[in-house]
Amino acid sequence: MKKLIIISLFVLVGNAAFGASGVYVKFNAPLFSYVETQQKLKYYVFNLEFSRASSSEEVSFLSGSGLSIGYDFNDVFAAEASYSRTKIDSPSSWGTLGYKTARNVFELTGITRVVSYKSFDFNVVGSAGYINYYGPSYNMNGFSFGIGAQAEYNLSENAALALDIRYLHSNEESDKDWIAVDRKANGAQLSASLKYRF
């Protein structure tokens, strides 16, 4: 039984390629993003109230970047703070031409390494943060969270490449007095990153 426990621990965390705690930075690039949104719009014209509900899809390819600063506590746990900006092509659901938008996200992410084999680490990630969405005529602010999986390949003791896929959810509201927008978004994002450990 002891041998079985020792072997299991070795497979899970004992074969990590780096093994030391410390600070790292990551340069992130979203490769693909798909988001479905449900939006409730309420606006006022000459003291008359109008409302409308709509839905839309947003797709983006290679249209963003981000930077993370993190800390490896040990072979299993890490945490990082990050900023990312993604440009999105948004087709309108109201019969007009599509438009380009941008999304800024500030988030904290927790990372748990579940399996390490030779130079590969396979991680579970969870994140929560603040989101700022730039629309064509108004901005929105809100909160987001995500959960997903990550495969990390260690190039050396100091450098690694990672591929990350996450389910994302956000709730956003407009910041203008004359228009009230309640927007909920669900989607998935595939991203790549280059990590450097100090």
N, C-alpha and C. Protein backbone atom coordinates (compact mmCIF):
# COMPACT_ATOMS: atom_id res chain seq x y z
N MET A 1 0.83 -1.21 0.00
CA MET A 1 0.00 0.00 0.00
C MET A 1 0.87 1.26 0.00
N LYS A 2 1.97 1.23 0.79
CA LYS A 2 2.87 2.39 0.83
C LYS A 2 3.48 2.65 -0.54
N LYS A 3 3.88 1.56 -1.22
CA LYS A 3 4.48 1.71 -2.54
C LYS A 3 3.48 2.33 -3.52
N LEU A 4 2.23 1.90 -3.44
CA LEU A 4 1.20 2.44 -4.31
C LEU A 4 1.01 3.93 -4.09
N ILE A 5 0.99 4.36 -2.84
CA ILE A 5 0.85 5.79 -2.52
C ILE A 5 2.04 6.59 -3.04
N ILE A 6 3.24 6.08 -2.84
CA ILE A 6 4.45 6.78 -3.29
C ILE A 6 4.46 6.89 -4.81
N ILE A 7 4.11 5.81 -5.50
CA ILE A 7 4.08 5.84 -6.97
C ILE A 7 3.04 6.83 -7.46
N SER A 8 1.87 6.86 -6.82
CA SER A 8 0.81 7.79 -7.22
C SER A 8 1.25 9.24 -7.06
N LEU A 9 1.90 9.54 -5.93
CA LEU A 9 2.39 10.90 -5.70
C LEU A 9 3.45 11.29 -6.72
N PHE A 10 4.29 10.32 -7.08
CA PHE A 10 5.32 10.61 -8.07
C PHE A 10 4.70 10.93 -9.42
N VAL A 11 3.70 10.17 -9.82
CA VAL A 11 3.05 10.41 -11.10
C VAL A 11 2.35 11.77 -11.12
N LEU A 12 1.70 12.11 -9.99
CA LEU A 12 0.94 13.36 -9.94
C LEU A 12 1.82 14.59 -9.87
N VAL A 13 2.78 14.62 -8.93
CA VAL A 13 3.53 15.86 -8.73
C VAL A 13 5.04 15.67 -8.65
N GLY A 14 5.51 14.46 -8.54
CA GLY A 14 6.93 14.27 -8.30
C GLY A 14 7.79 14.38 -9.52
N ASN A 15 7.18 14.44 -10.70
CA ASN A 15 7.95 14.47 -11.92
C ASN A 15 7.88 15.81 -12.62
N ALA A 16 7.53 16.85 -11.88
CA ALA A 16 7.42 18.19 -12.47
C ALA A 16 8.77 18.65 -12.99
N ALA A 17 8.76 19.36 -14.11
CA ALA A 17 10.01 19.71 -14.77
C ALA A 17 10.76 20.82 -14.05
N PHE A 18 10.07 21.68 -13.33
CA PHE A 18 10.77 22.81 -12.71
C PHE A 18 10.96 22.60 -11.22
N GLY A 19 9.92 22.40 -10.47
CA GLY A 19 10.04 21.98 -9.08
C GLY A 19 10.40 23.06 -8.09
N ALA A 20 10.64 24.29 -8.51
CA ALA A 20 11.01 25.34 -7.57
C ALA A 20 9.94 26.43 -7.57
N SER A 21 9.75 27.03 -6.41
CA SER A 21 8.79 28.12 -6.33
C SER A 21 9.44 29.40 -6.82
N GLY A 22 8.61 30.37 -7.18
CA GLY A 22 9.16 31.64 -7.61
C GLY A 22 8.22 32.43 -8.49
N VAL A 23 8.66 33.64 -8.84
CA VAL A 23 7.87 34.57 -9.65
C VAL A 23 8.06 34.25 -11.13
N TYR A 24 7.01 34.47 -11.91
CA TYR A 24 7.09 34.32 -13.35
C TYR A 24 6.22 35.37 -14.04
N VAL A 25 6.51 35.58 -15.32
CA VAL A 25 5.65 36.42 -16.17
C VAL A 25 5.20 35.58 -17.36
N LYS A 26 4.01 35.92 -17.89
CA LYS A 26 3.47 35.21 -19.04
C LYS A 26 2.95 36.22 -20.06
N PHE A 27 3.27 35.98 -21.32
CA PHE A 27 2.74 36.77 -22.42
C PHE A 27 1.66 35.92 -23.09
N ASN A 28 0.42 36.41 -23.07
CA ASN A 28 -0.73 35.62 -23.50
C ASN A 28 -1.28 36.13 -24.83
N ALA A 29 -1.76 35.18 -25.65
CA ALA A 29 -2.38 35.53 -26.92
C ALA A 29 -3.61 34.66 -27.14
N PRO A 30 -4.82 35.25 -27.15
CA PRO A 30 -6.01 34.46 -27.45
C PRO A 30 -6.01 34.03 -28.91
N LEU A 31 -6.08 32.72 -29.16
CA LEU A 31 -6.08 32.21 -30.52
C LEU A 31 -7.48 32.23 -31.12
N PHE A 32 -8.47 31.90 -30.29
CA PHE A 32 -9.85 31.82 -30.77
C PHE A 32 -10.78 32.10 -29.60
N SER A 33 -11.83 32.87 -29.87
CA SER A 33 -12.82 33.18 -28.84
C SER A 33 -14.22 33.13 -29.45
N TYR A 34 -15.14 32.47 -28.75
CA TYR A 34 -16.54 32.42 -29.18
C TYR A 34 -17.42 32.76 -27.98
N VAL A 35 -18.29 33.75 -28.15
CA VAL A 35 -19.13 34.21 -27.05
C VAL A 35 -20.58 34.34 -27.52
N GLU A 36 -21.50 33.82 -26.75
CA GLU A 36 -22.93 34.02 -26.97
C GLU A 36 -23.43 35.00 -25.91
N THR A 37 -24.20 35.99 -26.33
CA THR A 37 -24.66 37.01 -25.39
C THR A 37 -26.18 37.11 -25.40
N GLN A 38 -26.72 37.41 -24.23
CA GLN A 38 -28.13 37.75 -24.07
C GLN A 38 -28.15 39.17 -23.49
N GLN A 39 -28.89 40.05 -24.14
CA GLN A 39 -28.82 41.46 -23.76
C GLN A 39 -30.22 42.05 -23.62
N LYS A 40 -30.44 42.78 -22.52
CA LYS A 40 -31.67 43.52 -22.32
C LYS A 40 -31.34 45.00 -22.34
N LEU A 41 -32.00 45.72 -23.23
CA LEU A 41 -31.70 47.13 -23.45
C LEU A 41 -32.92 47.97 -23.07
N LYS A 42 -32.70 49.04 -22.32
CA LYS A 42 -33.75 49.98 -21.97
C LYS A 42 -33.19 51.39 -22.16
N TYR A 43 -33.90 52.22 -22.93
CA TYR A 43 -33.41 53.58 -23.17
C TYR A 43 -34.58 54.55 -23.19
N TYR A 44 -34.23 55.83 -23.11
CA TYR A 44 -35.24 56.88 -22.95
C TYR A 44 -35.08 57.93 -24.03
N VAL A 45 -36.20 58.31 -24.66
CA VAL A 45 -36.22 59.38 -25.66
C VAL A 45 -37.38 60.31 -25.33
N PHE A 46 -37.10 61.57 -25.03
CA PHE A 46 -38.11 62.54 -24.64
C PHE A 46 -39.01 62.00 -23.53
N ASN A 47 -38.38 61.44 -22.51
CA ASN A 47 -39.06 60.89 -21.33
C ASN A 47 -39.93 59.66 -21.63
N LEU A 48 -39.79 59.12 -22.83
CA LEU A 48 -40.49 57.87 -23.16
C LEU A 48 -39.52 56.70 -23.02
N GLU A 49 -39.99 55.62 -22.44
CA GLU A 49 -39.12 54.47 -22.19
C GLU A 49 -39.33 53.41 -23.28
N PHE A 50 -38.21 52.94 -23.83
CA PHE A 50 -38.24 51.86 -24.82
C PHE A 50 -37.36 50.72 -24.31
N SER A 51 -37.75 49.50 -24.63
CA SER A 51 -36.94 48.35 -24.20
C SER A 51 -36.90 47.31 -25.30
N ARG A 52 -35.85 46.52 -25.28
CA ARG A 52 -35.68 45.48 -26.29
C ARG A 52 -34.73 44.42 -25.76
N ALA A 53 -35.03 43.17 -26.09
CA ALA A 53 -34.13 42.05 -25.75
C ALA A 53 -33.52 41.52 -27.03
N SER A 54 -32.27 41.09 -26.95
CA SER A 54 -31.61 40.57 -28.15
C SER A 54 -30.57 39.54 -27.75
N SER A 55 -30.10 38.81 -28.74
CA SER A 55 -29.01 37.86 -28.54
C SER A 55 -28.06 37.98 -29.73
N SER A 56 -26.82 37.62 -29.51
CA SER A 56 -25.84 37.71 -30.58
C SER A 56 -24.70 36.74 -30.32
N GLU A 57 -23.88 36.57 -31.34
CA GLU A 57 -22.68 35.75 -31.24
C GLU A 57 -21.47 36.61 -31.60
N GLU A 58 -20.38 36.39 -30.90
CA GLU A 58 -19.15 37.14 -31.16
C GLU A 58 -18.01 36.13 -31.38
N VAL A 59 -17.28 36.31 -32.46
CA VAL A 59 -16.19 35.41 -32.80
C VAL A 59 -14.94 36.24 -33.06
N SER A 60 -13.80 35.76 -32.58
CA SER A 60 -12.54 36.45 -32.86
C SER A 60 -11.42 35.43 -33.03
N PHE A 61 -10.49 35.74 -33.92
CA PHE A 61 -9.31 34.93 -34.18
C PHE A 61 -8.07 35.80 -34.04
N LEU A 62 -7.12 35.37 -33.25
CA LEU A 62 -5.83 36.06 -33.14
C LEU A 62 -5.98 37.57 -33.02
N SER A 63 -6.83 38.01 -32.11
CA SER A 63 -7.13 39.44 -32.05
C SER A 63 -7.03 40.00 -30.64
N GLY A 64 -5.97 39.65 -29.95
CA GLY A 64 -5.81 40.18 -28.61
C GLY A 64 -4.44 39.84 -28.04
N SER A 65 -4.21 40.31 -26.83
CA SER A 65 -2.95 40.01 -26.14
C SER A 65 -3.15 40.25 -24.65
N GLY A 66 -2.22 39.75 -23.87
CA GLY A 66 -2.33 39.92 -22.43
C GLY A 66 -1.00 39.67 -21.74
N LEU A 67 -0.95 40.08 -20.48
CA LEU A 67 0.25 39.92 -19.66
C LEU A 67 -0.16 39.45 -18.27
N SER A 68 0.55 38.45 -17.75
CA SER A 68 0.28 37.93 -16.41
C SER A 68 1.55 37.95 -15.58
N ILE A 69 1.37 38.20 -14.30
CA ILE A 69 2.46 38.07 -13.33
C ILE A 69 2.00 37.05 -12.29
N GLY A 70 2.78 36.01 -12.08
CA GLY A 70 2.35 34.92 -11.21
C GLY A 70 3.41 34.46 -10.25
N TYR A 71 3.01 33.53 -9.40
CA TYR A 71 3.93 32.97 -8.41
C TYR A 71 3.64 31.47 -8.25
N ASP A 72 4.66 30.65 -8.43
CA ASP A 72 4.57 29.21 -8.16
C ASP A 72 4.87 28.99 -6.67
N PHE A 73 3.85 28.58 -5.92
CA PHE A 73 4.06 28.32 -4.50
C PHE A 73 4.83 27.02 -4.28
N ASN A 74 4.56 26.04 -5.12
CA ASN A 74 5.25 24.75 -5.07
C ASN A 74 4.98 24.04 -6.38
N ASP A 75 5.20 22.71 -6.41
CA ASP A 75 4.98 21.94 -7.64
C ASP A 75 3.51 21.81 -8.02
N VAL A 76 2.61 22.15 -7.12
CA VAL A 76 1.19 21.90 -7.36
C VAL A 76 0.38 23.18 -7.57
N PHE A 77 0.63 24.22 -6.76
CA PHE A 77 -0.23 25.40 -6.76
C PHE A 77 0.51 26.64 -7.26
N ALA A 78 -0.24 27.46 -8.02
CA ALA A 78 0.27 28.75 -8.49
C ALA A 78 -0.90 29.72 -8.57
N ALA A 79 -0.57 31.01 -8.54
CA ALA A 79 -1.59 32.06 -8.68
C ALA A 79 -1.01 33.18 -9.52
N GLU A 80 -1.88 33.85 -10.29
CA GLU A 80 -1.40 34.93 -11.12
C GLU A 80 -2.45 36.02 -11.29
N ALA A 81 -1.96 37.24 -11.51
CA ALA A 81 -2.81 38.38 -11.83
C ALA A 81 -2.53 38.75 -13.28
N SER A 82 -3.61 39.06 -14.03
CA SER A 82 -3.40 39.29 -15.46
C SER A 82 -4.30 40.39 -16.01
N TYR A 83 -3.86 40.93 -17.13
CA TYR A 83 -4.65 41.89 -17.90
C TYR A 83 -4.66 41.40 -19.35
N SER A 84 -5.83 41.43 -19.99
CA SER A 84 -5.91 41.05 -21.39
C SER A 84 -6.87 41.98 -22.13
N ARG A 85 -6.62 42.14 -23.41
CA ARG A 85 -7.48 42.96 -24.27
C ARG A 85 -7.77 42.17 -25.53
N THR A 86 -9.05 42.03 -25.86
CA THR A 86 -9.47 41.27 -27.03
C THR A 86 -10.36 42.14 -27.91
N LYS A 87 -10.07 42.17 -29.20
CA LYS A 87 -10.93 42.85 -30.16
C LYS A 87 -11.89 41.82 -30.76
N ILE A 88 -13.15 42.22 -30.91
CA ILE A 88 -14.19 41.27 -31.30
C ILE A 88 -15.01 41.84 -32.44
N ASP A 89 -15.32 41.00 -33.42
CA ASP A 89 -16.27 41.36 -34.48
C ASP A 89 -17.65 40.93 -34.03
N SER A 90 -18.56 41.88 -33.84
CA SER A 90 -19.89 41.60 -33.31
C SER A 90 -20.95 41.86 -34.37
N PRO A 91 -21.58 40.79 -34.89
CA PRO A 91 -22.70 41.03 -35.80
C PRO A 91 -23.90 41.55 -35.02
N SER A 92 -24.59 42.53 -35.55
CA SER A 92 -25.74 43.09 -34.86
C SER A 92 -26.94 42.17 -35.00
N SER A 93 -27.74 42.08 -33.94
CA SER A 93 -28.95 41.28 -33.99
C SER A 93 -30.16 42.14 -34.33
N TRP A 94 -29.95 43.41 -34.65
CA TRP A 94 -31.07 44.33 -34.91
C TRP A 94 -31.17 44.70 -36.38
N GLY A 95 -30.57 43.90 -37.25
CA GLY A 95 -30.72 44.12 -38.68
C GLY A 95 -29.77 45.14 -39.27
N THR A 96 -28.79 45.60 -38.51
CA THR A 96 -27.82 46.55 -39.03
C THR A 96 -26.50 45.85 -39.26
N LEU A 97 -25.53 46.57 -39.81
CA LEU A 97 -24.22 45.99 -40.05
C LEU A 97 -23.52 45.67 -38.74
N GLY A 98 -22.58 44.73 -38.81
CA GLY A 98 -21.82 44.38 -37.63
C GLY A 98 -20.87 45.51 -37.24
N TYR A 99 -20.27 45.37 -36.07
CA TYR A 99 -19.37 46.41 -35.58
C TYR A 99 -18.25 45.75 -34.78
N LYS A 100 -17.19 46.51 -34.58
CA LYS A 100 -16.04 46.00 -33.83
C LYS A 100 -16.11 46.52 -32.39
N THR A 101 -15.81 45.64 -31.45
CA THR A 101 -15.80 46.02 -30.04
C THR A 101 -14.49 45.55 -29.43
N ALA A 102 -14.28 45.95 -28.19
CA ALA A 102 -13.08 45.53 -27.46
C ALA A 102 -13.46 45.18 -26.04
N ARG A 103 -12.76 44.21 -25.48
CA ARG A 103 -13.03 43.78 -24.11
C ARG A 103 -11.72 43.77 -23.32
N ASN A 104 -11.71 44.49 -22.19
CA ASN A 104 -10.57 44.48 -21.28
C ASN A 104 -10.93 43.66 -20.05
N VAL A 105 -10.03 42.79 -19.63
CA VAL A 105 -10.30 41.93 -18.47
C VAL A 105 -9.11 41.98 -17.51
N PHE A 106 -9.41 42.26 -16.24
CA PHE A 106 -8.42 42.18 -15.17
C PHE A 106 -8.87 41.02 -14.28
N GLU A 107 -7.99 40.03 -14.07
CA GLU A 107 -8.44 38.87 -13.31
C GLU A 107 -7.34 38.24 -12.47
N LEU A 108 -7.79 37.48 -11.48
CA LEU A 108 -6.92 36.65 -10.66
C LEU A 108 -7.21 35.20 -11.01
N THR A 109 -6.15 34.42 -11.17
CA THR A 109 -6.29 33.03 -11.59
C THR A 109 -5.56 32.11 -10.62
N GLY A 110 -6.21 31.02 -10.26
CA GLY A 110 -5.58 29.97 -9.48
C GLY A 110 -5.30 28.77 -10.37
N ILE A 111 -4.16 28.16 -10.21
CA ILE A 111 -3.73 27.05 -11.05
C ILE A 111 -3.35 25.86 -10.17
N THR A 112 -3.88 24.69 -10.49
CA THR A 112 -3.54 23.45 -9.78
C THR A 112 -3.00 22.45 -10.79
N ARG A 113 -1.80 21.99 -10.57
CA ARG A 113 -1.22 20.97 -11.45
C ARG A 113 -1.72 19.60 -11.01
N VAL A 114 -2.34 18.89 -11.91
CA VAL A 114 -2.91 17.59 -11.57
C VAL A 114 -2.04 16.43 -12.06
N VAL A 115 -1.33 16.62 -13.15
CA VAL A 115 -0.45 15.57 -13.67
C VAL A 115 0.80 16.21 -14.26
N SER A 116 1.95 15.64 -13.97
CA SER A 116 3.21 16.05 -14.59
C SER A 116 3.88 14.81 -15.16
N TYR A 117 4.34 14.92 -16.41
CA TYR A 117 5.03 13.79 -17.04
C TYR A 117 6.15 14.34 -17.90
N LYS A 118 7.38 14.04 -17.50
CA LYS A 118 8.56 14.53 -18.19
C LYS A 118 8.50 16.05 -18.29
N SER A 119 8.41 16.61 -19.50
CA SER A 119 8.41 18.06 -19.64
C SER A 119 7.02 18.66 -19.69
N PHE A 120 5.98 17.83 -19.54
CA PHE A 120 4.61 18.31 -19.64
C PHE A 120 3.95 18.42 -18.27
N ASP A 121 3.17 19.50 -18.09
CA ASP A 121 2.32 19.67 -16.92
C ASP A 121 0.89 19.87 -17.42
N PHE A 122 -0.06 19.21 -16.76
CA PHE A 122 -1.47 19.37 -17.10
C PHE A 122 -2.17 19.97 -15.88
N ASN A 123 -2.80 21.12 -16.10
CA ASN A 123 -3.31 21.92 -15.00
C ASN A 123 -4.81 22.16 -15.11
N VAL A 124 -5.42 22.41 -13.96
CA VAL A 124 -6.79 22.92 -13.89
C VAL A 124 -6.70 24.38 -13.48
N VAL A 125 -7.45 25.26 -14.15
CA VAL A 125 -7.37 26.69 -13.87
C VAL A 125 -8.77 27.24 -13.55
N GLY A 126 -8.80 28.22 -12.67
CA GLY A 126 -10.03 28.92 -12.33
C GLY A 126 -9.71 30.40 -12.16
N SER A 127 -10.60 31.27 -12.66
CA SER A 127 -10.30 32.70 -12.62
C SER A 127 -11.55 33.50 -12.29
N ALA A 128 -11.34 34.69 -11.74
CA ALA A 128 -12.41 35.64 -11.46
C ALA A 128 -11.84 37.04 -11.63
N GLY A 129 -12.68 37.96 -12.16
CA GLY A 129 -12.13 39.28 -12.36
C GLY A 129 -13.15 40.32 -12.77
N TYR A 130 -12.62 41.48 -13.19
CA TYR A 130 -13.40 42.64 -13.61
C TYR A 130 -13.30 42.77 -15.11
N ILE A 131 -14.42 43.07 -15.77
CA ILE A 131 -14.44 43.16 -17.22
C ILE A 131 -14.98 44.52 -17.66
N ASN A 132 -14.37 45.09 -18.68
CA ASN A 132 -14.80 46.36 -19.25
C ASN A 132 -15.00 46.15 -20.74
N TYR A 133 -16.21 46.42 -21.23
CA TYR A 133 -16.58 46.14 -22.61
C TYR A 133 -16.86 47.45 -23.34
N TYR A 134 -16.17 47.66 -24.47
CA TYR A 134 -16.35 48.88 -25.26
C TYR A 134 -17.28 48.58 -26.42
N GLY A 135 -18.51 49.11 -26.37
CA GLY A 135 -19.46 48.97 -27.45
C GLY A 135 -19.39 50.15 -28.40
N PRO A 136 -20.22 50.16 -29.45
CA PRO A 136 -20.17 51.26 -30.43
C PRO A 136 -20.71 52.57 -29.88
N SER A 137 -21.63 52.54 -28.92
CA SER A 137 -22.21 53.79 -28.42
C SER A 137 -22.22 53.88 -26.90
N TYR A 138 -21.80 52.84 -26.21
CA TYR A 138 -21.75 52.88 -24.76
C TYR A 138 -20.77 51.81 -24.27
N ASN A 139 -20.32 51.98 -23.04
CA ASN A 139 -19.42 51.01 -22.42
C ASN A 139 -20.18 50.24 -21.35
N MET A 140 -19.65 49.06 -21.01
CA MET A 140 -20.24 48.25 -19.95
C MET A 140 -19.14 47.75 -19.03
N ASN A 141 -19.50 47.59 -17.76
CA ASN A 141 -18.58 47.07 -16.76
C ASN A 141 -19.26 45.93 -16.01
N GLY A 142 -18.46 45.01 -15.50
CA GLY A 142 -19.05 43.90 -14.75
C GLY A 142 -18.00 42.94 -14.24
N PHE A 143 -18.45 41.74 -13.92
CA PHE A 143 -17.58 40.72 -13.36
C PHE A 143 -17.62 39.47 -14.22
N SER A 144 -16.54 38.74 -14.20
CA SER A 144 -16.44 37.53 -15.01
C SER A 144 -15.78 36.42 -14.20
N PHE A 145 -16.02 35.19 -14.63
CA PHE A 145 -15.28 34.06 -14.07
C PHE A 145 -15.07 33.03 -15.16
N GLY A 146 -14.09 32.19 -14.96
CA GLY A 146 -13.79 31.15 -15.95
C GLY A 146 -13.21 29.92 -15.29
N ILE A 147 -13.34 28.80 -15.98
CA ILE A 147 -12.76 27.55 -15.50
C ILE A 147 -12.33 26.75 -16.72
N GLY A 148 -11.21 26.04 -16.59
CA GLY A 148 -10.73 25.30 -17.75
C GLY A 148 -9.54 24.44 -17.46
N ALA A 149 -8.84 24.07 -18.53
CA ALA A 149 -7.68 23.18 -18.45
C ALA A 149 -6.53 23.78 -19.23
N GLN A 150 -5.33 23.38 -18.83
CA GLN A 150 -4.13 23.95 -19.44
C GLN A 150 -3.07 22.85 -19.59
N ALA A 151 -2.43 22.84 -20.74
CA ALA A 151 -1.28 21.95 -20.98
C ALA A 151 -0.05 22.84 -21.11
N GLU A 152 0.98 22.53 -20.33
CA GLU A 152 2.19 23.37 -20.30
C GLU A 152 3.40 22.51 -20.65
N TYR A 153 4.19 22.97 -21.60
CA TYR A 153 5.41 22.27 -22.00
C TYR A 153 6.61 23.09 -21.56
N ASN A 154 7.45 22.48 -20.75
CA ASN A 154 8.62 23.17 -20.19
C ASN A 154 9.79 23.09 -21.17
N LEU A 155 10.15 24.22 -21.75
CA LEU A 155 11.28 24.29 -22.66
C LEU A 155 12.60 24.18 -21.93
N SER A 156 12.65 24.73 -20.71
CA SER A 156 13.84 24.70 -19.87
C SER A 156 13.40 24.95 -18.44
N GLU A 157 14.34 25.14 -17.53
CA GLU A 157 13.98 25.46 -16.15
C GLU A 157 13.30 26.81 -16.04
N ASN A 158 13.55 27.69 -17.00
CA ASN A 158 13.04 29.06 -16.91
C ASN A 158 11.91 29.38 -17.89
N ALA A 159 11.74 28.59 -18.92
CA ALA A 159 10.77 28.94 -19.95
C ALA A 159 9.80 27.80 -20.22
N ALA A 160 8.56 28.17 -20.57
CA ALA A 160 7.54 27.18 -20.88
C ALA A 160 6.53 27.76 -21.85
N LEU A 161 5.92 26.88 -22.64
CA LEU A 161 4.82 27.22 -23.53
C LEU A 161 3.55 26.56 -22.99
N ALA A 162 2.42 27.26 -23.07
CA ALA A 162 1.16 26.71 -22.54
C ALA A 162 0.03 26.93 -23.53
N LEU A 163 -0.89 25.97 -23.55
CA LEU A 163 -2.13 26.05 -24.30
C LEU A 163 -3.27 25.94 -23.31
N ASP A 164 -4.20 26.89 -23.36
CA ASP A 164 -5.22 27.04 -22.33
C ASP A 164 -6.59 27.12 -22.97
N ILE A 165 -7.55 26.31 -22.50
CA ILE A 165 -8.93 26.42 -22.97
C ILE A 165 -9.84 26.63 -21.76
N ARG A 166 -10.75 27.61 -21.86
CA ARG A 166 -11.60 27.96 -20.71
C ARG A 166 -13.04 28.23 -21.14
N TYR A 167 -13.94 27.88 -20.24
CA TYR A 167 -15.32 28.34 -20.33
C TYR A 167 -15.38 29.67 -19.58
N LEU A 168 -16.02 30.68 -20.18
CA LEU A 168 -16.07 32.01 -19.59
C LEU A 168 -17.52 32.47 -19.43
N HIS A 169 -17.79 33.17 -18.35
CA HIS A 169 -19.10 33.76 -18.12
C HIS A 169 -18.90 35.16 -17.57
N SER A 170 -19.75 36.10 -18.01
CA SER A 170 -19.66 37.45 -17.48
C SER A 170 -21.04 38.09 -17.39
N ASN A 171 -21.19 39.00 -16.43
CA ASN A 171 -22.37 39.85 -16.27
C ASN A 171 -21.90 41.29 -16.36
N GLU A 172 -22.51 42.06 -17.25
CA GLU A 172 -22.08 43.44 -17.47
C GLU A 172 -23.28 44.38 -17.49
N GLU A 173 -23.04 45.63 -17.08
CA GLU A 173 -24.07 46.66 -17.12
C GLU A 173 -23.48 47.93 -17.72
N SER A 174 -24.34 48.73 -18.37
CA SER A 174 -23.88 49.96 -19.01
C SER A 174 -23.58 51.03 -17.96
N ASP A 175 -22.75 52.00 -18.36
CA ASP A 175 -22.36 53.07 -17.44
C ASP A 175 -22.92 54.42 -17.86
N LYS A 176 -24.00 54.45 -18.67
CA LYS A 176 -24.63 55.70 -19.11
C LYS A 176 -25.98 55.87 -18.42
N ASP A 177 -26.36 57.14 -18.17
CA ASP A 177 -27.64 57.43 -17.52
C ASP A 177 -28.84 57.22 -18.46
N TRP A 178 -28.64 57.54 -19.74
CA TRP A 178 -29.76 57.52 -20.67
C TRP A 178 -30.07 56.13 -21.22
N ILE A 179 -29.20 55.16 -20.97
CA ILE A 179 -29.42 53.82 -21.49
C ILE A 179 -29.04 52.80 -20.41
N ALA A 180 -29.87 51.79 -20.24
CA ALA A 180 -29.60 50.73 -19.26
C ALA A 180 -29.48 49.42 -20.01
N VAL A 181 -28.33 48.78 -19.90
CA VAL A 181 -28.09 47.52 -20.59
C VAL A 181 -27.66 46.48 -19.57
N ASP A 182 -28.33 45.35 -19.59
CA ASP A 182 -27.94 44.20 -18.77
C ASP A 182 -27.53 43.09 -19.73
N ARG A 183 -26.28 42.71 -19.67
CA ARG A 183 -25.73 41.78 -20.65
C ARG A 183 -25.11 40.58 -19.95
N LYS A 184 -25.47 39.38 -20.40
CA LYS A 184 -24.87 38.14 -19.89
C LYS A 184 -24.20 37.43 -21.06
N ALA A 185 -22.98 36.98 -20.84
CA ALA A 185 -22.21 36.34 -21.91
C ALA A 185 -21.65 35.01 -21.45
N ASN A 186 -21.74 34.02 -22.32
CA ASN A 186 -21.14 32.70 -22.08
C ASN A 186 -20.34 32.32 -23.31
N GLY A 187 -19.18 31.74 -23.10
CA GLY A 187 -18.38 31.37 -24.26
C GLY A 187 -17.17 30.55 -23.89
N ALA A 188 -16.31 30.37 -24.88
CA ALA A 188 -15.08 29.60 -24.71
C ALA A 188 -13.94 30.33 -25.38
N GLN A 189 -12.76 30.17 -24.81
CA GLN A 189 -11.58 30.82 -25.37
C GLN A 189 -10.39 29.87 -25.35
N LEU A 190 -9.70 29.81 -26.48
CA LEU A 190 -8.47 29.05 -26.59
C LEU A 190 -7.33 30.04 -26.70
N SER A 191 -6.32 29.91 -25.85
CA SER A 191 -5.21 30.87 -25.86
C SER A 191 -3.88 30.16 -25.67
N ALA A 192 -2.83 30.82 -26.12
CA ALA A 192 -1.47 30.31 -25.95
C ALA A 192 -0.67 31.33 -25.15
N SER A 193 0.35 30.86 -24.47
CA SER A 193 1.17 31.78 -23.67
C SER A 193 2.62 31.30 -23.61
N LEU A 194 3.49 32.26 -23.44
CA LEU A 194 4.91 32.01 -23.23
C LEU A 194 5.24 32.46 -21.80
N LYS A 195 5.79 31.55 -21.02
CA LYS A 195 6.05 31.79 -19.59
C LYS A 195 7.55 31.84 -19.34
N TYR A 196 7.96 32.83 -18.52
CA TYR A 196 9.37 32.93 -18.12
C TYR A 196 9.45 33.00 -16.60
N ARG A 197 10.22 32.09 -16.00
CA ARG A 197 10.40 32.04 -14.55
C ARG A 197 11.70 32.72 -14.16
N PHE A 198 11.64 33.54 -13.13
CA PHE A 198 12.84 34.24 -12.64
C PHE A 198 13.59 33.39 -11.61
